[in-house]
Amino acid sequence: MIGLAGCQSSANPEDNADEATTQKVNLLATAKLDTARLLPVNNELNLTGKITFNQDKVVKVFPLVGGHIEEVKTDLGDYVKRGQVLAIIRSGDMADLAQQAISAKGQLAVARKNLQVTEDMSKAGLTAQKDLIAAREQMQAAQGEVNRVAERKSILGGSGSIYVVKAPVDGFVVEKNAAQGMELRSDDPENLFTISNLDQVWVLANVYESDLANVKEGFNATITTLSYPDRVFKGKIDKIFSVLDPESKTMKVRVTLLNADFTLKPEMFANVRVEYAGHEQRVGIPAKAIVFDKSRNFVVAVNSRNQPVVREIDIFKTIGDITYLNSGLKPGDRVVKQNQLLIYNALGN
């Protein structure tokens, strides 16, 4: 019995060791791994800017005639469809155009009758050839006037003395200068409405003179706003305006963003973070793989036996979702980037 007990006691430590190893391996069953890599260290610029209209999608609506605004059918901020009525104007210019159409048709009828009579007389030898040519030219001129008036009526639309202002494109009414009862001149330079489609917006950011060398077209940009601090919008610098503001000593850069849900509104304040490549290289890992504990930084690495182990790391800096290290890992080391805190606690640290 003593011998048997001795055999059992000598076997237990090995069983416990195997069980502990198995438990460690099982901890990695739900984990996601990544590999430490030697990467060029990115730098970043933090810029301020604002959301603006995409000027390529802004349409100003001007009245093509003078008159009196009888009714305004839309308001600032409304979404309108192409062809939707924005305002109705009673116009003397439209009444004159209707009269011109009647007059032109009358002149055409007279010219057509004169040509017919002249052709009959020419066949009978009672008129000269030049009279026939003049009658034909008169007929062509009258027809041209009818066509001109009809084309202008087609452009203006409406009927009688009524001119209808319609939306030329889909979009939001972002500017409104029309009011019921307003009098308009045909040569008035002010637009009645401005319509913009906000499915794309521009972010204009200010770059200081000292940072101009670090900004290039195509660089990645990350945008956040005061209105939606938890949302991150990503884009690229697609234009650099090569004009330096003489007072602020800044130059504007542009990022175009998709805005399908119309979340971003013009004049919103924006923070713009631009990443650009540096000259040195360091070991980089996903920033979310780091565990901060006891005022130190750790990662859960996977050793050659496929077991999780805790390693302390020294952070150089974090840019975006990449953390660059001074020490703690070497290229090729595997680290846990998901559920690492659970495994860290399970290892008894």
Foldseek 3Di string as FASTA:
>chain_A
DVVVVVVVVVVVVVVVVVVVQVVLLVLCVPFDKDFWAKDFDKDKDKWKWFWAFPVVFKDFAAQQAWFAWADADDDAFDWDAFFAFGTKGQGPVLQVLVVLLVVLVVQLVVLVVLLVVVVVCVVVVNDDPVSNVVSVVSNVVSVVSNVVSVVVCVVQPDDNRMGTGGHRHTFGFNDADDDHGDTGHSPDPDTGTMGGHVQKIKIKTWDAPVCPVQDDWFWKKWKAFPVCRPDIFIFTFHDWDPDADPPRRITITMTMGGDNVVPGDGPTMMIMMTMGGDDGIFTKDFQQQWDQDPNFIWFFWADPVRGTDIWTFAWPQDDDGMTGGPDTDDGGIMTTNPCRVVSVVVVPD
